[in-house]
Amino acid sequence: SRPKLAEQIENITSYDVVVLIFPNWWSTMPMPVFSFLESYDLSGKTIIPICTHGGGGMGNAQDDIKKLCPNSEVKNGLAIYGNQINQSREKIFNFLKNKKTNKVV
């Protein structure tokens, strides 16, 4: 089941890049992230996934994003062990900086 989102993004069309940050739940994204992706037309946008995990890495999340957003460019994501998230600020910063736009998003 897809939970209803508490808030909506009014100006999603003004974004070229969407950074999705989520925990790995059962080898994919949590259901609210599915709800988010199904709520918006992200065609032509770049989607950059980042997930935390306890050993499952990105799981099937990238493939699931590609299925839900076939007209978006889904970049290879970054998977971070949950117990390392507090030490990952620079790693995340560099990861985003080195994506296609060469800008921090």
PDB file of N, CA and C in Angstrom:
ATOM      1  N   SER A   1       0.841  -1.183   0.000  1.00  0.00           N
ATOM      2  CA  SER A   1       0.000   0.000   0.000  1.00  0.00           C
ATOM      3  C   SER A   1       0.880   1.238   0.000  1.00  0.00           C
ATOM      4  N   ARG A   2       0.393   2.275  -0.606  1.00  0.00           N
ATOM      5  CA  ARG A   2       1.125   3.533  -0.706  1.00  0.00           C
ATOM      6  C   ARG A   2       0.509   4.548   0.257  1.00  0.00           C
ATOM      7  N   PRO A   3       1.277   4.984   1.244  1.00  0.00           N
ATOM      8  CA  PRO A   3       0.727   5.973   2.167  1.00  0.00           C
ATOM      9  C   PRO A   3       0.567   7.326   1.488  1.00  0.00           C
ATOM     10  N   LYS A   4      -0.410   8.084   1.952  1.00  0.00           N
ATOM     11  CA  LYS A   4      -0.621   9.442   1.449  1.00  0.00           C
ATOM     12  C   LYS A   4       0.483  10.328   2.017  1.00  0.00           C
ATOM     13  N   LEU A   5       1.037  11.200   1.184  1.00  0.00           N
ATOM     14  CA  LEU A   5       2.077  12.111   1.634  1.00  0.00           C
ATOM     15  C   LEU A   5       1.448  13.275   2.392  1.00  0.00           C
ATOM     16  N   ALA A   6       2.095  13.692   3.454  1.00  0.00           N
ATOM     17  CA  ALA A   6       1.570  14.776   4.295  1.00  0.00           C
ATOM     18  C   ALA A   6       1.637  16.125   3.589  1.00  0.00           C
ATOM     19  N   GLU A   7       2.627  16.322   2.739  1.00  0.00           N
ATOM     20  CA  GLU A   7       2.787  17.595   2.038  1.00  0.00           C
ATOM     21  C   GLU A   7       3.122  17.352   0.580  1.00  0.00           C
ATOM     22  N   GLN A   8       2.872  18.341  -0.242  1.00  0.00           N
ATOM     23  CA  GLN A   8       3.171  18.283  -1.666  1.00  0.00           C
ATOM     24  C   GLN A   8       4.214  19.345  -2.011  1.00  0.00           C
ATOM     25  N   ILE A   9       4.995  19.089  -3.040  1.00  0.00           N
ATOM     26  CA  ILE A   9       5.950  20.072  -3.542  1.00  0.00           C
ATOM     27  C   ILE A   9       5.237  20.856  -4.629  1.00  0.00           C
ATOM     28  N   GLU A  10       5.066  22.144  -4.418  1.00  0.00           N
ATOM     29  CA  GLU A  10       4.291  22.963  -5.352  1.00  0.00           C
ATOM     30  C   GLU A  10       5.035  23.256  -6.646  1.00  0.00           C
ATOM     31  N   ASN A  11       6.342  23.368  -6.594  1.00  0.00           N
ATOM     32  CA  ASN A  11       7.100  23.806  -7.768  1.00  0.00           C
ATOM     33  C   ASN A  11       8.098  22.748  -8.239  1.00  0.00           C
ATOM     34  N   ILE A  12       7.675  21.508  -8.316  1.00  0.00           N
ATOM     35  CA  ILE A  12       8.574  20.418  -8.715  1.00  0.00           C
ATOM     36  C   ILE A  12       9.136  20.657 -10.120  1.00  0.00           C
ATOM     37  N   THR A  13       8.416  21.368 -10.961  1.00  0.00           N
ATOM     38  CA  THR A  13       8.889  21.621 -12.324  1.00  0.00           C
ATOM     39  C   THR A  13      10.123  22.518 -12.350  1.00  0.00           C
ATOM     40  N   SER A  14      10.382  23.249 -11.286  1.00  0.00           N
ATOM     41  CA  SER A  14      11.542  24.146 -11.266  1.00  0.00           C
ATOM     42  C   SER A  14      12.841  23.420 -10.904  1.00  0.00           C
ATOM     43  N   TYR A  15      12.756  22.131 -10.599  1.00  0.00           N
ATOM     44  CA  TYR A  15      13.940  21.355 -10.250  1.00  0.00           C
ATOM     45  C   TYR A  15      14.377  20.490 -11.426  1.00  0.00           C
ATOM     46  N   ASP A  16      15.679  20.489 -11.694  1.00  0.00           N
ATOM     47  CA  ASP A  16      16.236  19.621 -12.729  1.00  0.00           C
ATOM     48  C   ASP A  16      16.775  18.329 -12.141  1.00  0.00           C
ATOM     49  N   VAL A  17      17.167  18.382 -10.860  1.00  0.00           N
ATOM     50  CA  VAL A  17      17.781  17.244 -10.175  1.00  0.00           C
ATOM     51  C   VAL A  17      16.991  16.965  -8.902  1.00  0.00           C
ATOM     52  N   VAL A  18      16.687  15.692  -8.694  1.00  0.00           N
ATOM     53  CA  VAL A  18      16.010  15.257  -7.473  1.00  0.00           C
ATOM     54  C   VAL A  18      16.941  14.284  -6.762  1.00  0.00           C
ATOM     55  N   VAL A  19      17.313  14.615  -5.542  1.00  0.00           N
ATOM     56  CA  VAL A  19      18.145  13.731  -4.732  1.00  0.00           C
ATOM     57  C   VAL A  19      17.204  13.013  -3.765  1.00  0.00           C
ATOM     58  N   LEU A  20      17.124  11.705  -3.889  1.00  0.00           N
ATOM     59  CA  LEU A  20      16.291  10.891  -3.004  1.00  0.00           C
ATOM     60  C   LEU A  20      17.188  10.269  -1.939  1.00  0.00           C
ATOM     61  N   ILE A  21      16.876  10.525  -0.689  1.00  0.00           N
ATOM     62  CA  ILE A  21      17.640   9.945   0.415  1.00  0.00           C
ATOM     63  C   ILE A  21      16.665   9.128   1.249  1.00  0.00           C
ATOM     64  N   PHE A  22      16.988   7.864   1.444  1.00  0.00           N
ATOM     65  CA  PHE A  22      16.051   6.953   2.099  1.00  0.00           C
ATOM     66  C   PHE A  22      16.806   5.773   2.704  1.00  0.00           C
ATOM     67  N   PRO A  23      16.181   5.082   3.661  1.00  0.00           N
ATOM     68  CA  PRO A  23      16.765   3.839   4.165  1.00  0.00           C
ATOM     69  C   PRO A  23      16.347   2.673   3.268  1.00  0.00           C
ATOM     70  N   ASN A  24      17.179   1.661   3.183  1.00  0.00           N
ATOM     71  CA  ASN A  24      16.837   0.437   2.471  1.00  0.00           C
ATOM     72  C   ASN A  24      15.842  -0.323   3.352  1.00  0.00           C
ATOM     73  N   TRP A  25      14.649  -0.529   2.825  1.00  0.00           N
ATOM     74  CA  TRP A  25      13.623  -1.319   3.512  1.00  0.00           C
ATOM     75  C   TRP A  25      13.304  -2.520   2.654  1.00  0.00           C
ATOM     76  N   TRP A  26      13.623  -3.696   3.129  1.00  0.00           N
ATOM     77  CA  TRP A  26      13.311  -4.944   2.447  1.00  0.00           C
ATOM     78  C   TRP A  26      13.822  -4.904   1.005  1.00  0.00           C
ATOM     79  N   SER A  27      15.057  -4.474   0.829  1.00  0.00           N
ATOM     80  CA  SER A  27      15.759  -4.463  -0.459  1.00  0.00           C
ATOM     81  C   SER A  27      15.253  -3.420  -1.449  1.00  0.00           C
ATOM     82  N   THR A  28      14.547  -2.430  -0.975  1.00  0.00           N
ATOM     83  CA  THR A  28      14.107  -1.356  -1.852  1.00  0.00           C
ATOM     84  C   THR A  28      13.865  -0.094  -1.025  1.00  0.00           C
ATOM     85  N   MET A  29      13.024   0.780  -1.520  1.00  0.00           N
ATOM     86  CA  MET A  29      12.720   2.036  -0.829  1.00  0.00           C
ATOM     87  C   MET A  29      11.506   1.853   0.072  1.00  0.00           C
ATOM     88  N   PRO A  30      11.378   2.706   1.081  1.00  0.00           N
ATOM     89  CA  PRO A  30      10.157   2.687   1.887  1.00  0.00           C
ATOM     90  C   PRO A  30       8.950   3.111   1.025  1.00  0.00           C
ATOM     91  N   MET A  31       7.781   2.658   1.380  1.00  0.00           N
ATOM     92  CA  MET A  31       6.578   2.950   0.608  1.00  0.00           C
ATOM     93  C   MET A  31       6.316   4.451   0.424  1.00  0.00           C
ATOM     94  N   PRO A  32       6.621   5.328   1.407  1.00  0.00           N
ATOM     95  CA  PRO A  32       6.419   6.761   1.145  1.00  0.00           C
ATOM     96  C   PRO A  32       7.260   7.288  -0.024  1.00  0.00           C
ATOM     97  N   VAL A  33       8.426   6.695  -0.273  1.00  0.00           N
ATOM     98  CA  VAL A  33       9.238   7.122  -1.420  1.00  0.00           C
ATOM     99  C   VAL A  33       8.562   6.672  -2.714  1.00  0.00           C
ATOM    100  N   PHE A  34       7.968   5.482  -2.724  1.00  0.00           N
ATOM    101  CA  PHE A  34       7.181   5.055  -3.885  1.00  0.00           C
ATOM    102  C   PHE A  34       6.036   6.046  -4.114  1.00  0.00           C
ATOM    103  N   SER A  35       5.348   6.429  -3.029  1.00  0.00           N
ATOM    104  CA  SER A  35       4.251   7.404  -3.149  1.00  0.00           C
ATOM    105  C   SER A  35       4.743   8.703  -3.765  1.00  0.00           C
ATOM    106  N   PHE A  36       5.891   9.180  -3.306  1.00  0.00           N
ATOM    107  CA  PHE A  36       6.457  10.414  -3.839  1.00  0.00           C
ATOM    108  C   PHE A  36       6.723  10.291  -5.342  1.00  0.00           C
ATOM    109  N   LEU A  37       7.394   9.229  -5.747  1.00  0.00           N
ATOM    110  CA  LEU A  37       7.742   9.055  -7.156  1.00  0.00           C
ATOM    111  C   LEU A  37       6.510   8.899  -8.038  1.00  0.00           C
ATOM    112  N   GLU A  38       5.458   8.300  -7.501  1.00  0.00           N
ATOM    113  CA  GLU A  38       4.224   8.119  -8.264  1.00  0.00           C
ATOM    114  C   GLU A  38       3.368   9.382  -8.300  1.00  0.00           C
ATOM    115  N   SER A  39       3.664  10.345  -7.439  1.00  0.00           N
ATOM    116  CA  SER A  39       2.866  11.567  -7.343  1.00  0.00           C
ATOM    117  C   SER A  39       3.288  12.662  -8.310  1.00  0.00           C
ATOM    118  N   TYR A  40       4.485  12.546  -8.864  1.00  0.00           N
ATOM    119  CA  TYR A  40       5.030  13.609  -9.698  1.00  0.00           C
ATOM    120  C   TYR A  40       5.507  13.065 -11.034  1.00  0.00           C
ATOM    121  N   ASP A  41       5.426  13.911 -12.052  1.00  0.00           N
ATOM    122  CA  ASP A  41       6.013  13.586 -13.347  1.00  0.00           C
ATOM    123  C   ASP A  41       7.448  14.093 -13.311  1.00  0.00           C
ATOM    124  N   LEU A  42       8.392  13.185 -13.199  1.00  0.00           N
ATOM    125  CA  LEU A  42       9.801  13.544 -13.122  1.00  0.00           C
ATOM    126  C   LEU A  42      10.510  13.343 -14.460  1.00  0.00           C
ATOM    127  N   SER A  43       9.748  13.314 -15.529  1.00  0.00           N
ATOM    128  CA  SER A  43      10.309  13.150 -16.868  1.00  0.00           C
ATOM    129  C   SER A  43      11.336  14.249 -17.147  1.00  0.00           C
ATOM    130  N   GLY A  44      12.478  13.842 -17.694  1.00  0.00           N
ATOM    131  CA  GLY A  44      13.526  14.782 -18.041  1.00  0.00           C
ATOM    132  C   GLY A  44      14.396  15.221 -16.873  1.00  0.00           C
ATOM    133  N   LYS A  45      14.081  14.785 -15.685  1.00  0.00           N
ATOM    134  CA  LYS A  45      14.868  15.151 -14.506  1.00  0.00           C
ATOM    135  C   LYS A  45      15.929  14.084 -14.227  1.00  0.00           C
ATOM    136  N   THR A  46      16.964  14.496 -13.537  1.00  0.00           N
ATOM    137  CA  THR A  46      17.991  13.575 -13.077  1.00  0.00           C
ATOM    138  C   THR A  46      17.645  13.186 -11.647  1.00  0.00           C
ATOM    139  N   ILE A  47      17.648  11.906 -11.364  1.00  0.00           N
ATOM    140  CA  ILE A  47      17.359  11.406 -10.022  1.00  0.00           C
ATOM    141  C   ILE A  47      18.630  10.756  -9.480  1.00  0.00           C
ATOM    142  N   ILE A  48      19.028  11.199  -8.285  1.00  0.00           N
ATOM    143  CA  ILE A  48      20.228  10.675  -7.641  1.00  0.00           C
ATOM    144  C   ILE A  48      19.812  10.020  -6.320  1.00  0.00           C
ATOM    145  N   PRO A  49      19.858   8.688  -6.240  1.00  0.00           N
ATOM    146  CA  PRO A  49      19.477   8.019  -5.003  1.00  0.00           C
ATOM    147  C   PRO A  49      20.652   7.870  -4.025  1.00  0.00           C
ATOM    148  N   ILE A  50      20.336   8.070  -2.759  1.00  0.00           N
ATOM    149  CA  ILE A  50      21.281   7.817  -1.669  1.00  0.00           C
ATOM    150  C   ILE A  50      20.507   7.034  -0.620  1.00  0.00           C
ATOM    151  N   CYS A  51      21.060   5.915  -0.185  1.00  0.00           N
ATOM    152  CA  CYS A  51      20.349   5.140   0.831  1.00  0.00           C
ATOM    153  C   CYS A  51      21.283   4.736   1.965  1.00  0.00           C
ATOM    154  N   THR A  52      20.664   4.554   3.107  1.00  0.00           N
ATOM    155  CA  THR A  52      21.362   3.955   4.236  1.00  0.00           C
ATOM    156  C   THR A  52      20.909   2.501   4.318  1.00  0.00           C
ATOM    157  N   HIS A  53      21.776   1.668   4.869  1.00  0.00           N
ATOM    158  CA  HIS A  53      21.437   0.246   4.922  1.00  0.00           C
ATOM    159  C   HIS A  53      22.203  -0.432   6.047  1.00  0.00           C
ATOM    160  N   GLY A  54      21.789  -1.639   6.341  1.00  0.00           N
ATOM    161  CA  GLY A  54      22.456  -2.434   7.353  1.00  0.00           C
ATOM    162  C   GLY A  54      23.229  -3.593   6.771  1.00  0.00           C
ATOM    163  N   GLY A  55      23.413  -3.600   5.463  1.00  0.00           N
ATOM    164  CA  GLY A  55      24.158  -4.668   4.806  1.00  0.00           C
ATOM    165  C   GLY A  55      23.619  -4.992   3.429  1.00  0.00           C
ATOM    166  N   GLY A  56      22.465  -4.456   3.069  1.00  0.00           N
ATOM    167  CA  GLY A  56      21.851  -4.765   1.782  1.00  0.00           C
ATOM    168  C   GLY A  56      22.176  -3.790   0.678  1.00  0.00           C
ATOM    169  N   GLY A  57      22.996  -2.797   0.955  1.00  0.00           N
ATOM    170  CA  GLY A  57      23.342  -1.821  -0.062  1.00  0.00           C
ATOM    171  C   GLY A  57      22.110  -1.133  -0.623  1.00  0.00           C
ATOM    172  N   MET A  58      22.167  -0.824  -1.911  1.00  0.00           N
ATOM    173  CA  MET A  58      21.061  -0.143  -2.586  1.00  0.00           C
ATOM    174  C   MET A  58      19.907  -1.108  -2.857  1.00  0.00           C
ATOM    175  N   GLY A  59      20.185  -2.411  -2.755  1.00  0.00           N
ATOM    176  CA  GLY A  59      19.137  -3.394  -3.024  1.00  0.00           C
ATOM    177  C   GLY A  59      18.591  -3.232  -4.435  1.00  0.00           C
ATOM    178  N   ASN A  60      17.284  -3.264  -4.576  1.00  0.00           N
ATOM    179  CA  ASN A  60      16.613  -3.109  -5.874  1.00  0.00           C
ATOM    180  C   ASN A  60      16.134  -1.687  -6.116  1.00  0.00           C
ATOM    181  N   ALA A  61      16.499  -0.759  -5.243  1.00  0.00           N
ATOM    182  CA  ALA A  61      15.949   0.598  -5.297  1.00  0.00           C
ATOM    183  C   ALA A  61      16.181   1.276  -6.641  1.00  0.00           C
ATOM    184  N   GLN A  62      17.393   1.219  -7.191  1.00  0.00           N
ATOM    185  CA  GLN A  62      17.657   1.890  -8.467  1.00  0.00           C
ATOM    186  C   GLN A  62      16.781   1.334  -9.582  1.00  0.00           C
ATOM    187  N   ASP A  63      16.629   0.026  -9.637  1.00  0.00           N
ATOM    188  CA  ASP A  63      15.764  -0.578 -10.650  1.00  0.00           C
ATOM    189  C   ASP A  63      14.313  -0.152 -10.441  1.00  0.00           C
ATOM    190  N   ASP A  64      13.881  -0.080  -9.192  1.00  0.00           N
ATOM    191  CA  ASP A  64      12.507   0.343  -8.909  1.00  0.00           C
ATOM    192  C   ASP A  64      12.287   1.801  -9.313  1.00  0.00           C
ATOM    193  N   ILE A  65      13.273   2.647  -9.073  1.00  0.00           N
ATOM    194  CA  ILE A  65      13.165   4.053  -9.486  1.00  0.00           C
ATOM    195  C   ILE A  65      13.069   4.136 -11.009  1.00  0.00           C
ATOM    196  N   LYS A  66      13.895   3.370 -11.699  1.00  0.00           N
ATOM    197  CA  LYS A  66      13.870   3.376 -13.164  1.00  0.00           C
ATOM    198  C   LYS A  66      12.518   2.919 -13.707  1.00  0.00           C
ATOM    199  N   LYS A  67      11.897   1.934 -13.057  1.00  0.00           N
ATOM    200  CA  LYS A  67      10.579   1.465 -13.483  1.00  0.00           C
ATOM    201  C   LYS A  67       9.518   2.538 -13.267  1.00  0.00           C
ATOM    202  N   LEU A  68       9.598   3.241 -12.136  1.00  0.00           N
ATOM    203  CA  LEU A  68       8.607   4.269 -11.819  1.00  0.00           C
ATOM    204  C   LEU A  68       8.821   5.557 -12.603  1.00  0.00           C
ATOM    205  N   CYS A  69      10.053   5.812 -13.010  1.00  0.00           N
ATOM    206  CA  CYS A  69      10.408   7.059 -13.694  1.00  0.00           C
ATOM    207  C   CYS A  69      11.172   6.752 -14.984  1.00  0.00           C
ATOM    208  N   PRO A  70      10.527   6.109 -15.941  1.00  0.00           N
ATOM    209  CA  PRO A  70      11.242   5.668 -17.148  1.00  0.00           C
ATOM    210  C   PRO A  70      11.772   6.800 -18.019  1.00  0.00           C
ATOM    211  N   ASN A  71      11.255   7.986 -17.849  1.00  0.00           N
ATOM    212  CA  ASN A  71      11.703   9.124 -18.659  1.00  0.00           C
ATOM    213  C   ASN A  71      12.640  10.045 -17.895  1.00  0.00           C
ATOM    214  N   SER A  72      13.208   9.542 -16.818  1.00  0.00           N
ATOM    215  CA  SER A  72      14.182  10.286 -16.020  1.00  0.00           C
ATOM    216  C   SER A  72      15.541   9.609 -16.157  1.00  0.00           C
ATOM    217  N   GLU A  73      16.584  10.381 -15.904  1.00  0.00           N
ATOM    218  CA  GLU A  73      17.930   9.813 -15.870  1.00  0.00           C
ATOM    219  C   GLU A  73      18.230   9.450 -14.414  1.00  0.00           C
ATOM    220  N   VAL A  74      18.314   8.173 -14.128  1.00  0.00           N
ATOM    221  CA  VAL A  74      18.582   7.707 -12.774  1.00  0.00           C
ATOM    222  C   VAL A  74      20.068   7.390 -12.671  1.00  0.00           C
ATOM    223  N   LYS A  75      20.757   8.168 -11.856  1.00  0.00           N
ATOM    224  CA  LYS A  75      22.194   7.997 -11.673  1.00  0.00           C
ATOM    225  C   LYS A  75      22.470   6.810 -10.761  1.00  0.00           C
ATOM    226  N   ASN A  76      23.667   6.245 -10.857  1.00  0.00           N
ATOM    227  CA  ASN A  76      24.085   5.242  -9.891  1.00  0.00           C
ATOM    228  C   ASN A  76      24.108   5.892  -8.527  1.00  0.00           C
ATOM    229  N   GLY A  77      23.542   5.208  -7.563  1.00  0.00           N
ATOM    230  CA  GLY A  77      23.383   5.780  -6.247  1.00  0.00           C
ATOM    231  C   GLY A  77      24.551   5.538  -5.308  1.00  0.00           C
ATOM    232  N   LEU A  78      24.398   6.084  -4.139  1.00  0.00           N
ATOM    233  CA  LEU A  78      25.374   5.928  -3.069  1.00  0.00           C
ATOM    234  C   LEU A  78      24.687   5.191  -1.929  1.00  0.00           C
ATOM    235  N   ALA A  79      25.292   4.104  -1.485  1.00  0.00           N
ATOM    236  CA  ALA A  79      24.773   3.335  -0.354  1.00  0.00           C
ATOM    237  C   ALA A  79      25.739   3.498   0.816  1.00  0.00           C
ATOM    238  N   ILE A  80      25.203   3.847   1.971  1.00  0.00           N
ATOM    239  CA  ILE A  80      26.016   4.101   3.166  1.00  0.00           C
ATOM    240  C   ILE A  80      25.498   3.239   4.307  1.00  0.00           C
ATOM    241  N   TYR A  81      26.413   2.526   4.954  1.00  0.00           N
ATOM    242  CA  TYR A  81      26.016   1.768   6.141  1.00  0.00           C
ATOM    243  C   TYR A  81      25.412   2.725   7.157  1.00  0.00           C
ATOM    244  N   GLY A  82      24.289   2.333   7.716  1.00  0.00           N
ATOM    245  CA  GLY A  82      23.586   3.172   8.677  1.00  0.00           C
ATOM    246  C   GLY A  82      24.445   3.602   9.854  1.00  0.00           C
ATOM    247  N   ASN A  83      25.327   2.709  10.309  1.00  0.00           N
ATOM    248  CA  ASN A  83      26.158   3.059  11.460  1.00  0.00           C
ATOM    249  C   ASN A  83      27.321   3.983  11.078  1.00  0.00           C
ATOM    250  N   GLN A  84      27.457   4.309   9.783  1.00  0.00           N
ATOM    251  CA  GLN A  84      28.516   5.214   9.336  1.00  0.00           C
ATOM    252  C   GLN A  84      27.983   6.566   8.883  1.00  0.00           C
ATOM    253  N   ILE A  85      26.685   6.758   8.971  1.00  0.00           N
ATOM    254  CA  ILE A  85      26.075   7.979   8.444  1.00  0.00           C
ATOM    255  C   ILE A  85      26.618   9.238   9.116  1.00  0.00           C
ATOM    256  N   ASN A  86      26.906   9.182  10.410  1.00  0.00           N
ATOM    257  CA  ASN A  86      27.416  10.371  11.104  1.00  0.00           C
ATOM    258  C   ASN A  86      28.791  10.794  10.617  1.00  0.00           C
ATOM    259  N   GLN A  87      29.528   9.893  10.006  1.00  0.00           N
ATOM    260  CA  GLN A  87      30.857  10.206   9.484  1.00  0.00           C
ATOM    261  C   GLN A  87      30.849  10.357   7.961  1.00  0.00           C
ATOM    262  N   SER A  88      29.701  10.492   7.347  1.00  0.00           N
ATOM    263  CA  SER A  88      29.601  10.438   5.884  1.00  0.00           C
ATOM    264  C   SER A  88      29.330  11.775   5.208  1.00  0.00           C
ATOM    265  N   ARG A  89      29.350  12.855   5.938  1.00  0.00           N
ATOM    266  CA  ARG A  89      29.034  14.157   5.341  1.00  0.00           C
ATOM    267  C   ARG A  89      29.928  14.454   4.129  1.00  0.00           C
ATOM    268  N   GLU A  90      31.235  14.325   4.283  1.00  0.00           N
ATOM    269  CA  GLU A  90      32.157  14.628   3.195  1.00  0.00           C
ATOM    270  C   GLU A  90      31.978  13.652   2.027  1.00  0.00           C
ATOM    271  N   LYS A  91      31.736  12.386   2.335  1.00  0.00           N
ATOM    272  CA  LYS A  91      31.514  11.382   1.296  1.00  0.00           C
ATOM    273  C   LYS A  91      30.279  11.733   0.463  1.00  0.00           C
ATOM    274  N   ILE A  92      29.204  12.138   1.123  1.00  0.00           N
ATOM    275  CA  ILE A  92      27.972  12.519   0.421  1.00  0.00           C
ATOM    276  C   ILE A  92      28.212  13.786  -0.394  1.00  0.00           C
ATOM    277  N   PHE A  93      28.867  14.773   0.201  1.00  0.00           N
ATOM    278  CA  PHE A  93      29.173  16.026  -0.471  1.00  0.00           C
ATOM    279  C   PHE A  93      29.966  15.756  -1.759  1.00  0.00           C
ATOM    280  N   ASN A  94      31.007  14.964  -1.670  1.00  0.00           N
ATOM    281  CA  ASN A  94      31.832  14.655  -2.839  1.00  0.00           C
ATOM    282  C   ASN A  94      31.062  13.850  -3.882  1.00  0.00           C
ATOM    283  N   PHE A  95      30.240  12.934  -3.428  1.00  0.00           N
ATOM    284  CA  PHE A  95      29.419  12.136  -4.341  1.00  0.00           C
ATOM    285  C   PHE A  95      28.514  13.044  -5.175  1.00  0.00           C
ATOM    286  N   LEU A  96      27.831  13.958  -4.520  1.00  0.00           N
ATOM    287  CA  LEU A  96      26.934  14.860  -5.238  1.00  0.00           C
ATOM    288  C   LEU A  96      27.706  15.839  -6.119  1.00  0.00           C
ATOM    289  N   LYS A  97      28.826  16.293  -5.648  1.00  0.00           N
ATOM    290  CA  LYS A  97      29.645  17.250  -6.395  1.00  0.00           C
ATOM    291  C   LYS A  97      30.146  16.644  -7.705  1.00  0.00           C
ATOM    292  N   ASN A  98      30.399  15.358  -7.713  1.00  0.00           N
ATOM    293  CA  ASN A  98      30.969  14.704  -8.888  1.00  0.00           C
ATOM    294  C   ASN A  98      29.934  14.160  -9.871  1.00  0.00           C
ATOM    295  N   LYS A  99      28.673  14.407  -9.618  1.00  0.00           N
ATOM    296  CA  LYS A  99      27.640  13.966 -10.561  1.00  0.00           C
ATOM    297  C   LYS A  99      27.672  14.849 -11.811  1.00  0.00           C
ATOM    298  N   LYS A 100      26.854  14.564 -12.758  1.00  0.00           N
ATOM    299  CA  LYS A 100      26.861  15.176 -14.088  1.00  0.00           C
ATOM    300  C   LYS A 100      26.975  16.707 -14.065  1.00  0.00           C
ATOM    301  N   THR A 101      26.286  17.345 -13.166  1.00  0.00           N
ATOM    302  CA  THR A 101      26.259  18.809 -13.170  1.00  0.00           C
ATOM    303  C   THR A 101      27.518  19.409 -12.570  1.00  0.00           C
ATOM    304  N   ASN A 102      28.330  18.589 -11.881  1.00  0.00           N
ATOM    305  CA  ASN A 102      29.505  19.069 -11.173  1.00  0.00           C
ATOM    306  C   ASN A 102      29.173  20.167 -10.173  1.00  0.00           C
ATOM    307  N   LYS A 103      27.960  20.151  -9.692  1.00  0.00           N
ATOM    308  CA  LYS A 103      27.548  21.098  -8.669  1.00  0.00           C
ATOM    309  C   LYS A 103      26.988  20.326  -7.498  1.00  0.00           C
ATOM    310  N   VAL A 104      27.086  20.928  -6.325  1.00  0.00           N
ATOM    311  CA  VAL A 104      26.428  20.343  -5.173  1.00  0.00           C
ATOM    312  C   VAL A 104      24.949  20.646  -5.298  1.00  0.00           C
ATOM    313  N   VAL A 105      24.137  19.635  -5.128  1.00  0.00           N
ATOM    314  CA  VAL A 105      22.694  19.783  -5.284  1.00  0.00           C
ATOM    315  C   VAL A 105      22.070  20.011  -3.928  1.00  0.00           C
TER     316      VAL A 105
END
